[in-house]
């Protein structure tokens, strides 16, 4: 069972979620440029594969109105129709978009398997963590790198971090699309995700787009809250193979992830775009892209 769980661990999952959640980015920066920007809505679905086998899906819903964002996502993973392993999770975040970046209000993450479950709630104020609730409580461990108050300052939650990846317009360079370092606190651990430009590849997407996608290399940098000798965490920190392929959507003036690749000790996890819709809401409700 450990081998089945390893590729679906929290670090890999966070990387996948962050890559997907960049779907909301274009709307976020539009709000900065134009205070009265119309409300927008993004919905997306991705299929999750492990070693080429479809094992689940990831669904995302994001809305932006009056400079505030609300995001929610659900994922379900099942191996051998749930007989070997079954995992379901949900996450949500809300906050405000400011010129210096996102100001999260609240973040939640929860999951359950046949063996256990967990629920995390975090509240923020001015990018500082104010409240944390973890149920069941995390077991104390002398091998865990302590999380201090300093580690909980100038941070965002995993979903709010997507606004730091925002790119408006379809004519950005690979360095502009991929060059980001994200300071993240998820309720238990403090880590950075460092993105850098790796290259470009021609793709044909489900929405009809044919052209280049930028390949962003993703580096996981543990800072606190992790066990220093943990094998999964050590592997994630040394993993140089995580990629997010970003595809331009000229109609909406943003970039979205087309493909996400996460190598693990026992195989390869990937997310492939299956469908997405970007809508402008309000009186002039319309689909910008489907």
C-alpha atoms as a PDB file:
ATOM      1  CA  UNK A   1       0.000   0.000   0.000  1.00  0.00           C
ATOM      2  CA  UNK A   2       2.880   2.362   0.681  1.00  0.00           C
ATOM      3  CA  UNK A   3       4.001   2.059  -2.922  1.00  0.00           C
ATOM      4  CA  UNK A   4       0.501   2.902  -4.110  1.00  0.00           C
ATOM      5  CA  UNK A   5       0.367   5.985  -1.932  1.00  0.00           C
ATOM      6  CA  UNK A   6       3.838   7.296  -2.630  1.00  0.00           C
ATOM      7  CA  UNK A   7       3.154   8.935  -5.996  1.00  0.00           C
ATOM      8  CA  UNK A   8       0.023  10.573  -4.638  1.00  0.00           C
ATOM      9  CA  UNK A   9       1.604  12.140  -1.587  1.00  0.00           C
ATOM     10  CA  UNK A  10       0.896  15.660  -0.386  1.00  0.00           C
ATOM     11  CA  UNK A  11       3.954  17.261  -2.010  1.00  0.00           C
ATOM     12  CA  UNK A  12       3.195  15.863  -5.462  1.00  0.00           C
ATOM     13  CA  UNK A  13      -0.500  16.694  -5.111  1.00  0.00           C
ATOM     14  CA  UNK A  14       0.255  20.300  -4.127  1.00  0.00           C
ATOM     15  CA  UNK A  15       2.452  20.693  -7.181  1.00  0.00           C
ATOM     16  CA  UNK A  16      -0.337  19.403  -9.397  1.00  0.00           C
ATOM     17  CA  UNK A  17      -2.978  21.619  -7.801  1.00  0.00           C
ATOM     18  CA  UNK A  18      -0.808  24.717  -8.161  1.00  0.00           C
ATOM     19  CA  UNK A  19      -0.236  24.038 -11.796  1.00  0.00           C
ATOM     20  CA  UNK A  20      -3.924  23.614 -12.474  1.00  0.00           C
ATOM     21  CA  UNK A  21      -5.058  26.589 -10.448  1.00  0.00           C
ATOM     22  CA  UNK A  22      -3.151  29.046 -12.644  1.00  0.00           C
ATOM     23  CA  UNK A  23      -6.323  28.924 -14.756  1.00  0.00           C
ATOM     24  CA  UNK A  24      -7.635  31.830 -12.682  1.00  0.00           C
ATOM     25  CA  UNK A  25      -4.590  33.998 -13.274  1.00  0.00           C
ATOM     26  CA  UNK A  26      -5.655  36.071 -16.258  1.00  0.00           C
ATOM     27  CA  UNK A  27      -8.762  37.326 -14.518  1.00  0.00           C
ATOM     28  CA  UNK A  28      -6.742  38.261 -11.466  1.00  0.00           C
ATOM     29  CA  UNK A  29      -4.350  40.580 -13.267  1.00  0.00           C
ATOM     30  CA  UNK A  30      -7.217  42.077 -15.290  1.00  0.00           C
ATOM     31  CA  UNK A  31      -8.718  43.166 -11.973  1.00  0.00           C
ATOM     32  CA  UNK A  32      -5.525  45.004 -11.109  1.00  0.00           C
ATOM     33  CA  UNK A  33      -5.421  46.826 -14.414  1.00  0.00           C
ATOM     34  CA  UNK A  34      -9.072  47.786 -14.362  1.00  0.00           C
ATOM     35  CA  UNK A  35     -10.817  48.125 -11.004  1.00  0.00           C
ATOM     36  CA  UNK A  36     -14.258  47.704 -12.515  1.00  0.00           C
ATOM     37  CA  UNK A  37     -13.362  44.594 -14.549  1.00  0.00           C
ATOM     38  CA  UNK A  38     -16.399  42.356 -15.179  1.00  0.00           C
ATOM     39  CA  UNK A  39     -16.789  39.253 -13.042  1.00  0.00           C
ATOM     40  CA  UNK A  40     -15.310  36.101 -14.569  1.00  0.00           C
ATOM     41  CA  UNK A  41     -15.607  32.372 -14.033  1.00  0.00           C
ATOM     42  CA  UNK A  42     -13.302  29.497 -14.930  1.00  0.00           C
ATOM     43  CA  UNK A  43     -14.187  25.819 -14.766  1.00  0.00           C
ATOM     44  CA  UNK A  44     -11.840  23.030 -15.761  1.00  0.00           C
ATOM     45  CA  UNK A  45     -11.451  19.266 -15.731  1.00  0.00           C
ATOM     46  CA  UNK A  46      -8.251  17.252 -15.934  1.00  0.00           C
ATOM     47  CA  UNK A  47      -7.755  13.503 -16.144  1.00  0.00           C
ATOM     48  CA  UNK A  48      -5.170  11.992 -13.805  1.00  0.00           C
ATOM     49  CA  UNK A  49      -2.963   9.177 -15.090  1.00  0.00           C
ATOM     50  CA  UNK A  50      -0.368   7.027 -13.382  1.00  0.00           C
ATOM     51  CA  UNK A  51       2.007   5.043 -15.572  1.00  0.00           C
ATOM     52  CA  UNK A  52      -0.390   5.664 -18.462  1.00  0.00           C
ATOM     53  CA  UNK A  53      -3.506   4.375 -16.659  1.00  0.00           C
ATOM     54  CA  UNK A  54      -6.424   6.712 -15.944  1.00  0.00           C
ATOM     55  CA  UNK A  55      -6.889   6.665 -12.157  1.00  0.00           C
ATOM     56  CA  UNK A  56      -9.063   9.736 -11.526  1.00  0.00           C
ATOM     57  CA  UNK A  57      -9.895  13.335 -12.288  1.00  0.00           C
ATOM     58  CA  UNK A  58      -9.438  16.858 -10.984  1.00  0.00           C
ATOM     59  CA  UNK A  59     -12.161  19.535 -11.252  1.00  0.00           C
ATOM     60  CA  UNK A  60     -11.656  23.232 -10.601  1.00  0.00           C
ATOM     61  CA  UNK A  61     -14.060  26.151 -10.268  1.00  0.00           C
ATOM     62  CA  UNK A  62     -12.803  29.718  -9.838  1.00  0.00           C
ATOM     63  CA  UNK A  63     -14.670  33.048  -9.764  1.00  0.00           C
ATOM     64  CA  UNK A  64     -13.449  36.630  -9.561  1.00  0.00           C
ATOM     65  CA  UNK A  65     -15.658  39.635  -8.808  1.00  0.00           C
ATOM     66  CA  UNK A  66     -14.967  43.077  -7.319  1.00  0.00           C
ATOM     67  CA  UNK A  67     -11.295  42.235  -6.920  1.00  0.00           C
ATOM     68  CA  UNK A  68     -12.007  39.184  -4.758  1.00  0.00           C
ATOM     69  CA  UNK A  69     -11.478  35.554  -5.734  1.00  0.00           C
ATOM     70  CA  UNK A  70     -13.096  32.297  -4.669  1.00  0.00           C
ATOM     71  CA  UNK A  71     -11.694  28.963  -5.785  1.00  0.00           C
ATOM     72  CA  UNK A  72     -12.649  25.374  -5.118  1.00  0.00           C
ATOM     73  CA  UNK A  73     -11.382  22.065  -6.444  1.00  0.00           C
ATOM     74  CA  UNK A  74     -12.151  18.395  -6.036  1.00  0.00           C
ATOM     75  CA  UNK A  75     -10.052  15.368  -6.942  1.00  0.00           C
ATOM     76  CA  UNK A  76     -10.790  11.664  -6.882  1.00  0.00           C
ATOM     77  CA  UNK A  77      -8.261   8.857  -7.326  1.00  0.00           C
ATOM     78  CA  UNK A  78      -9.060   5.141  -7.475  1.00  0.00           C
ATOM     79  CA  UNK A  79      -6.836   2.117  -8.150  1.00  0.00           C
ATOM     80  CA  UNK A  80      -8.526  -1.111  -9.283  1.00  0.00           C
ATOM     81  CA  UNK A  81     -11.981   0.377  -8.765  1.00  0.00           C
ATOM     82  CA  UNK A  82     -11.062   1.291  -5.197  1.00  0.00           C
ATOM     83  CA  UNK A  83      -9.994  -2.220  -4.176  1.00  0.00           C
ATOM     84  CA  UNK A  84      -6.296  -1.301  -3.968  1.00  0.00           C
ATOM     85  CA  UNK A  85      -6.530   2.378  -3.074  1.00  0.00           C
ATOM     86  CA  UNK A  86      -9.120   5.162  -3.075  1.00  0.00           C
ATOM     87  CA  UNK A  87      -8.552   8.824  -2.278  1.00  0.00           C
ATOM     88  CA  UNK A  88     -10.865  11.842  -2.485  1.00  0.00           C
ATOM     89  CA  UNK A  89     -10.028  15.399  -1.588  1.00  0.00           C
ATOM     90  CA  UNK A  90     -11.286  18.954  -1.801  1.00  0.00           C
ATOM     91  CA  UNK A  91      -9.705  22.347  -1.313  1.00  0.00           C
ATOM     92  CA  UNK A  92     -10.907  25.942  -1.322  1.00  0.00           C
ATOM     93  CA  UNK A  93      -9.456  29.425  -1.007  1.00  0.00           C
ATOM     94  CA  UNK A  94     -10.715  32.987  -0.933  1.00  0.00           C
ATOM     95  CA  UNK A  95      -9.000  36.339  -0.862  1.00  0.00           C
ATOM     96  CA  UNK A  96      -8.381  39.683  -2.506  1.00  0.00           C
ATOM     97  CA  UNK A  97      -6.156  40.577  -5.439  1.00  0.00           C
ATOM     98  CA  UNK A  98      -3.802  43.491  -4.742  1.00  0.00           C
ATOM     99  CA  UNK A  99      -1.089  45.096  -6.855  1.00  0.00           C
ATOM    100  CA  UNK A 100       1.611  43.445  -4.754  1.00  0.00           C
ATOM    101  CA  UNK A 101      -0.034  40.036  -5.038  1.00  0.00           C
ATOM    102  CA  UNK A 102      -2.878  38.008  -3.509  1.00  0.00           C
ATOM    103  CA  UNK A 103      -4.110  38.593   0.038  1.00  0.00           C
ATOM    104  CA  UNK A 104      -5.715  35.310   1.125  1.00  0.00           C
ATOM    105  CA  UNK A 105      -8.555  35.331   3.622  1.00  0.00           C
ATOM    106  CA  UNK A 106      -9.039  31.629   4.251  1.00  0.00           C
ATOM    107  CA  UNK A 107      -7.881  28.258   2.956  1.00  0.00           C
ATOM    108  CA  UNK A 108      -9.127  24.729   3.521  1.00  0.00           C
ATOM    109  CA  UNK A 109      -7.982  21.285   2.464  1.00  0.00           C
ATOM    110  CA  UNK A 110      -9.429  17.901   3.302  1.00  0.00           C
ATOM    111  CA  UNK A 111      -9.067  14.330   2.144  1.00  0.00           C
ATOM    112  CA  UNK A 112     -10.211  10.853   3.056  1.00  0.00           C
ATOM    113  CA  UNK A 113      -9.266   7.291   2.233  1.00  0.00           C
ATOM    114  CA  UNK A 114     -10.603   3.982   3.485  1.00  0.00           C
ATOM    115  CA  UNK A 115      -8.027   4.198   6.292  1.00  0.00           C
ATOM    116  CA  UNK A 116      -7.950   7.822   7.401  1.00  0.00           C
ATOM    117  CA  UNK A 117      -9.014  11.407   6.818  1.00  0.00           C
ATOM    118  CA  UNK A 118      -7.726  14.892   7.541  1.00  0.00           C
ATOM    119  CA  UNK A 119      -9.081  18.445   7.499  1.00  0.00           C
ATOM    120  CA  UNK A 120      -6.995  21.634   7.520  1.00  0.00           C
ATOM    121  CA  UNK A 121      -8.313  25.204   7.911  1.00  0.00           C
ATOM    122  CA  UNK A 122      -6.092  28.299   7.811  1.00  0.00           C
ATOM    123  CA  UNK A 123      -7.008  31.974   8.206  1.00  0.00           C
ATOM    124  CA  UNK A 124      -4.787  34.822   7.021  1.00  0.00           C
ATOM    125  CA  UNK A 125      -4.457  38.564   7.557  1.00  0.00           C
ATOM    126  CA  UNK A 126      -2.129  40.628   5.348  1.00  0.00           C
ATOM    127  CA  UNK A 127      -0.247  37.514   4.235  1.00  0.00           C
ATOM    128  CA  UNK A 128       0.337  36.438   7.841  1.00  0.00           C
ATOM    129  CA  UNK A 129      -1.141  33.197   9.214  1.00  0.00           C
ATOM    130  CA  UNK A 130      -3.506  34.003  12.115  1.00  0.00           C
ATOM    131  CA  UNK A 131      -5.302  30.720  12.817  1.00  0.00           C
ATOM    132  CA  UNK A 132      -4.613  27.064  12.059  1.00  0.00           C
ATOM    133  CA  UNK A 133      -6.861  24.078  12.725  1.00  0.00           C
ATOM    134  CA  UNK A 134      -5.711  20.553  11.843  1.00  0.00           C
ATOM    135  CA  UNK A 135      -8.020  17.620  12.563  1.00  0.00           C
ATOM    136  CA  UNK A 136      -6.827  15.147  13.691  1.00  0.00           C
ATOM    137  CA  UNK A 137      -3.946  17.103  15.254  1.00  0.00           C
ATOM    138  CA  UNK A 138      -0.499  16.401  13.869  1.00  0.00           C
ATOM    139  CA  UNK A 139       1.605  14.118  16.060  1.00  0.00           C
ATOM    140  CA  UNK A 140       4.643  15.856  17.591  1.00  0.00           C
ATOM    141  CA  UNK A 141       7.982  14.650  16.238  1.00  0.00           C
ATOM    142  CA  UNK A 142      11.512  15.658  17.203  1.00  0.00           C
ATOM    143  CA  UNK A 143      12.627  14.886  13.638  1.00  0.00           C
ATOM    144  CA  UNK A 144      10.284  17.520  12.174  1.00  0.00           C
ATOM    145  CA  UNK A 145      11.768  20.914  11.251  1.00  0.00           C
ATOM    146  CA  UNK A 146       9.883  23.370  13.528  1.00  0.00           C
ATOM    147  CA  UNK A 147       7.524  25.917  11.983  1.00  0.00           C
ATOM    148  CA  UNK A 148       8.083  29.330  13.588  1.00  0.00           C
ATOM    149  CA  UNK A 149       6.097  32.551  13.419  1.00  0.00           C
ATOM    150  CA  UNK A 150       8.636  33.843  10.904  1.00  0.00           C
ATOM    151  CA  UNK A 151       7.756  30.968   8.581  1.00  0.00           C
ATOM    152  CA  UNK A 152       4.105  32.075   8.611  1.00  0.00           C
ATOM    153  CA  UNK A 153       4.761  35.641   7.423  1.00  0.00           C
ATOM    154  CA  UNK A 154       4.675  36.846   3.804  1.00  0.00           C
ATOM    155  CA  UNK A 155       3.132  33.596   2.619  1.00  0.00           C
ATOM    156  CA  UNK A 156       0.109  32.444   0.647  1.00  0.00           C
ATOM    157  CA  UNK A 157      -1.841  29.211   0.605  1.00  0.00           C
ATOM    158  CA  UNK A 158      -1.442  26.734  -2.285  1.00  0.00           C
ATOM    159  CA  UNK A 159      -4.460  28.009  -4.222  1.00  0.00           C
ATOM    160  CA  UNK A 160      -3.821  31.724  -3.626  1.00  0.00           C
ATOM    161  CA  UNK A 161      -0.310  31.181  -4.979  1.00  0.00           C
ATOM    162  CA  UNK A 162      -1.797  30.916  -8.457  1.00  0.00           C
ATOM    163  CA  UNK A 163      -2.144  34.690  -8.687  1.00  0.00           C
ATOM    164  CA  UNK A 164       1.632  34.967  -8.475  1.00  0.00           C
ATOM    165  CA  UNK A 165       1.726  32.982 -11.728  1.00  0.00           C
ATOM    166  CA  UNK A 166      -0.581  35.349 -13.593  1.00  0.00           C
ATOM    167  CA  UNK A 167       0.332  36.272 -17.144  1.00  0.00           C
ATOM    168  CA  UNK A 168      -1.948  38.506 -19.211  1.00  0.00           C
ATOM    169  CA  UNK A 169      -1.805  38.417 -22.991  1.00  0.00           C
ATOM    170  CA  UNK A 170      -0.727  35.643 -25.313  1.00  0.00           C
ATOM    171  CA  UNK A 171       2.643  37.057 -26.342  1.00  0.00           C
ATOM    172  CA  UNK A 172       4.762  36.554 -23.253  1.00  0.00           C
ATOM    173  CA  UNK A 173       8.193  34.958 -23.352  1.00  0.00           C
ATOM    174  CA  UNK A 174       8.873  31.632 -21.692  1.00  0.00           C
ATOM    175  CA  UNK A 175      10.853  33.390 -18.985  1.00  0.00           C
ATOM    176  CA  UNK A 176       7.923  35.706 -18.208  1.00  0.00           C
ATOM    177  CA  UNK A 177       5.429  32.822 -18.050  1.00  0.00           C
ATOM    178  CA  UNK A 178       7.569  30.468 -15.978  1.00  0.00           C
ATOM    179  CA  UNK A 179       9.803  32.714 -13.862  1.00  0.00           C
ATOM    180  CA  UNK A 180       8.210  32.599 -10.394  1.00  0.00           C
ATOM    181  CA  UNK A 181       9.089  31.574  -6.838  1.00  0.00           C
ATOM    182  CA  UNK A 182       6.028  30.891  -4.688  1.00  0.00           C
ATOM    183  CA  UNK A 183       6.210  31.136  -0.831  1.00  0.00           C
ATOM    184  CA  UNK A 184       3.576  28.696   0.451  1.00  0.00           C
ATOM    185  CA  UNK A 185       2.193  27.593   3.815  1.00  0.00           C
ATOM    186  CA  UNK A 186      -0.417  24.818   3.642  1.00  0.00           C
ATOM    187  CA  UNK A 187      -1.348  24.570   7.333  1.00  0.00           C
ATOM    188  CA  UNK A 188       1.360  22.051   8.191  1.00  0.00           C
ATOM    189  CA  UNK A 189       4.425  22.802   6.091  1.00  0.00           C
ATOM    190  CA  UNK A 190       6.245  25.843   4.737  1.00  0.00           C
ATOM    191  CA  UNK A 191       7.855  25.423   1.315  1.00  0.00           C
ATOM    192  CA  UNK A 192       8.622  27.258  -1.900  1.00  0.00           C
ATOM    193  CA  UNK A 193       7.895  26.222  -5.458  1.00  0.00           C
ATOM    194  CA  UNK A 194      10.504  27.598  -7.848  1.00  0.00           C
ATOM    195  CA  UNK A 195       9.439  27.708 -11.503  1.00  0.00           C
ATOM    196  CA  UNK A 196      11.854  28.281 -14.376  1.00  0.00           C
ATOM    197  CA  UNK A 197      11.667  28.138 -18.160  1.00  0.00           C
ATOM    198  CA  UNK A 198      12.774  24.816 -19.663  1.00  0.00           C
ATOM    199  CA  UNK A 199      11.702  24.996 -23.304  1.00  0.00           C
ATOM    200  CA  UNK A 200       8.743  24.917 -25.683  1.00  0.00           C
ATOM    201  CA  UNK A 201       6.812  22.202 -27.497  1.00  0.00           C
ATOM    202  CA  UNK A 202       4.207  22.223 -30.266  1.00  0.00           C
ATOM    203  CA  UNK A 203       0.821  20.924 -29.088  1.00  0.00           C
ATOM    204  CA  UNK A 204      -2.744  20.396 -30.300  1.00  0.00           C
ATOM    205  CA  UNK A 205      -5.200  21.079 -27.463  1.00  0.00           C
ATOM    206  CA  UNK A 206      -8.817  20.048 -26.844  1.00  0.00           C
ATOM    207  CA  UNK A 207     -10.011  23.620 -27.478  1.00  0.00           C
ATOM    208  CA  UNK A 208      -8.514  23.638 -30.969  1.00  0.00           C
ATOM    209  CA  UNK A 209      -5.345  25.540 -30.145  1.00  0.00           C
ATOM    210  CA  UNK A 210      -2.337  24.504 -32.226  1.00  0.00           C
ATOM    211  CA  UNK A 211       0.990  26.061 -31.390  1.00  0.00           C
ATOM    212  CA  UNK A 212       3.730  26.227 -28.786  1.00  0.00           C
ATOM    213  CA  UNK A 213       3.324  25.503 -25.082  1.00  0.00           C
ATOM    214  CA  UNK A 214       5.935  26.750 -22.631  1.00  0.00           C
ATOM    215  CA  UNK A 215       7.442  24.050 -20.436  1.00  0.00           C
ATOM    216  CA  UNK A 216       8.021  25.253 -16.867  1.00  0.00           C
ATOM    217  CA  UNK A 217      10.314  23.261 -14.592  1.00  0.00           C
ATOM    218  CA  UNK A 218       8.985  23.097 -10.998  1.00  0.00           C
ATOM    219  CA  UNK A 219      11.375  22.707  -8.060  1.00  0.00           C
ATOM    220  CA  UNK A 220      10.059  21.850  -4.577  1.00  0.00           C
ATOM    221  CA  UNK A 221      12.057  23.575  -1.802  1.00  0.00           C
ATOM    222  CA  UNK A 222      11.158  22.414   1.754  1.00  0.00           C
ATOM    223  CA  UNK A 223      11.668  25.021   4.488  1.00  0.00           C
ATOM    224  CA  UNK A 224       9.842  23.910   7.641  1.00  0.00           C
ATOM    225  CA  UNK A 225       7.228  21.484   8.907  1.00  0.00           C
ATOM    226  CA  UNK A 226       8.718  18.459   7.162  1.00  0.00           C
ATOM    227  CA  UNK A 227      10.687  15.555   8.622  1.00  0.00           C
ATOM    228  CA  UNK A 228      14.322  16.102   7.714  1.00  0.00           C
ATOM    229  CA  UNK A 229      14.938  12.374   7.169  1.00  0.00           C
ATOM    230  CA  UNK A 230      11.658  11.598   5.403  1.00  0.00           C
ATOM    231  CA  UNK A 231      12.332   9.644   2.181  1.00  0.00           C
ATOM    232  CA  UNK A 232       9.330  11.018   0.256  1.00  0.00           C
ATOM    233  CA  UNK A 233      10.195  14.595   1.170  1.00  0.00           C
ATOM    234  CA  UNK A 234      13.865  14.109   0.280  1.00  0.00           C
ATOM    235  CA  UNK A 235      12.911  12.646  -3.088  1.00  0.00           C
ATOM    236  CA  UNK A 236      10.557  15.556  -3.801  1.00  0.00           C
ATOM    237  CA  UNK A 237      13.287  18.089  -2.963  1.00  0.00           C
ATOM    238  CA  UNK A 238      15.742  16.378  -5.313  1.00  0.00           C
ATOM    239  CA  UNK A 239      13.202  15.809  -8.067  1.00  0.00           C
ATOM    240  CA  UNK A 240      14.247  17.803 -11.146  1.00  0.00           C
ATOM    241  CA  UNK A 241      11.630  16.284 -13.431  1.00  0.00           C
ATOM    242  CA  UNK A 242       8.370  18.052 -12.461  1.00  0.00           C
ATOM    243  CA  UNK A 243       6.957  20.024 -15.405  1.00  0.00           C
ATOM    244  CA  UNK A 244       3.929  22.226 -16.128  1.00  0.00           C
ATOM    245  CA  UNK A 245       3.208  22.976 -19.804  1.00  0.00           C
ATOM    246  CA  UNK A 246       1.533  26.385 -20.190  1.00  0.00           C
ATOM    247  CA  UNK A 247      -0.710  27.108 -23.177  1.00  0.00           C
ATOM    248  CA  UNK A 248      -1.885  30.602 -24.282  1.00  0.00           C
ATOM    249  CA  UNK A 249      -5.590  31.450 -24.599  1.00  0.00           C
ATOM    250  CA  UNK A 250      -5.564  34.642 -26.708  1.00  0.00           C
ATOM    251  CA  UNK A 251      -9.359  35.112 -26.473  1.00  0.00           C
ATOM    252  CA  UNK A 252      -9.160  35.402 -22.690  1.00  0.00           C
ATOM    253  CA  UNK A 253      -5.690  36.944 -22.447  1.00  0.00           C
ATOM    254  CA  UNK A 254      -4.247  34.300 -20.132  1.00  0.00           C
ATOM    255  CA  UNK A 255      -2.199  31.107 -19.976  1.00  0.00           C
ATOM    256  CA  UNK A 256      -3.532  27.754 -18.763  1.00  0.00           C
ATOM    257  CA  UNK A 257      -1.806  24.457 -17.978  1.00  0.00           C
ATOM    258  CA  UNK A 258      -2.097  21.963 -20.802  1.00  0.00           C
ATOM    259  CA  UNK A 259      -0.143  19.110 -19.231  1.00  0.00           C
ATOM    260  CA  UNK A 260       1.480  18.396 -15.846  1.00  0.00           C
ATOM    261  CA  UNK A 261       4.185  15.773 -15.352  1.00  0.00           C
ATOM    262  CA  UNK A 262       5.369  14.484 -11.953  1.00  0.00           C
ATOM    263  CA  UNK A 263       7.907  11.615 -11.796  1.00  0.00           C
ATOM    264  CA  UNK A 264       7.861   9.552  -8.589  1.00  0.00           C
ATOM    265  CA  UNK A 265       9.962   6.670  -7.209  1.00  0.00           C
ATOM    266  CA  UNK A 266       7.423   4.117  -8.473  1.00  0.00           C
ATOM    267  CA  UNK A 267       6.190   5.660 -11.726  1.00  0.00           C
ATOM    268  CA  UNK A 268       4.936   8.806 -13.419  1.00  0.00           C
ATOM    269  CA  UNK A 269       1.841  10.852 -12.534  1.00  0.00           C
ATOM    270  CA  UNK A 270       0.381  13.159 -15.169  1.00  0.00           C
ATOM    271  CA  UNK A 271      -2.612  15.458 -15.552  1.00  0.00           C
ATOM    272  CA  UNK A 272      -4.056  16.010 -19.012  1.00  0.00           C
ATOM    273  CA  UNK A 273      -6.520  18.779 -19.871  1.00  0.00           C
ATOM    274  CA  UNK A 274      -9.941  17.342 -20.734  1.00  0.00           C
ATOM    275  CA  UNK A 275     -12.183  20.446 -20.821  1.00  0.00           C
ATOM    276  CA  UNK A 276     -12.303  24.039 -19.643  1.00  0.00           C
ATOM    277  CA  UNK A 277     -14.534  27.079 -19.955  1.00  0.00           C
ATOM    278  CA  UNK A 278     -13.783  30.759 -19.338  1.00  0.00           C
ATOM    279  CA  UNK A 279     -16.840  32.988 -18.937  1.00  0.00           C
ATOM    280  CA  UNK A 280     -17.463  36.690 -18.478  1.00  0.00           C
ATOM    281  CA  UNK A 281     -20.389  36.948 -16.054  1.00  0.00           C
ATOM    282  CA  UNK A 282     -22.968  39.597 -15.242  1.00  0.00           C
ATOM    283  CA  UNK A 283     -25.345  41.303 -17.645  1.00  0.00           C
ATOM    284  CA  UNK A 284     -23.152  40.437 -20.606  1.00  0.00           C
ATOM    285  CA  UNK A 285     -22.698  36.778 -19.648  1.00  0.00           C
ATOM    286  CA  UNK A 286     -20.847  34.918 -22.376  1.00  0.00           C
ATOM    287  CA  UNK A 287     -18.393  32.088 -22.883  1.00  0.00           C
ATOM    288  CA  UNK A 288     -14.968  33.392 -23.885  1.00  0.00           C
ATOM    289  CA  UNK A 289     -13.514  29.949 -24.544  1.00  0.00           C
ATOM    290  CA  UNK A 290     -14.721  26.348 -24.280  1.00  0.00           C
END
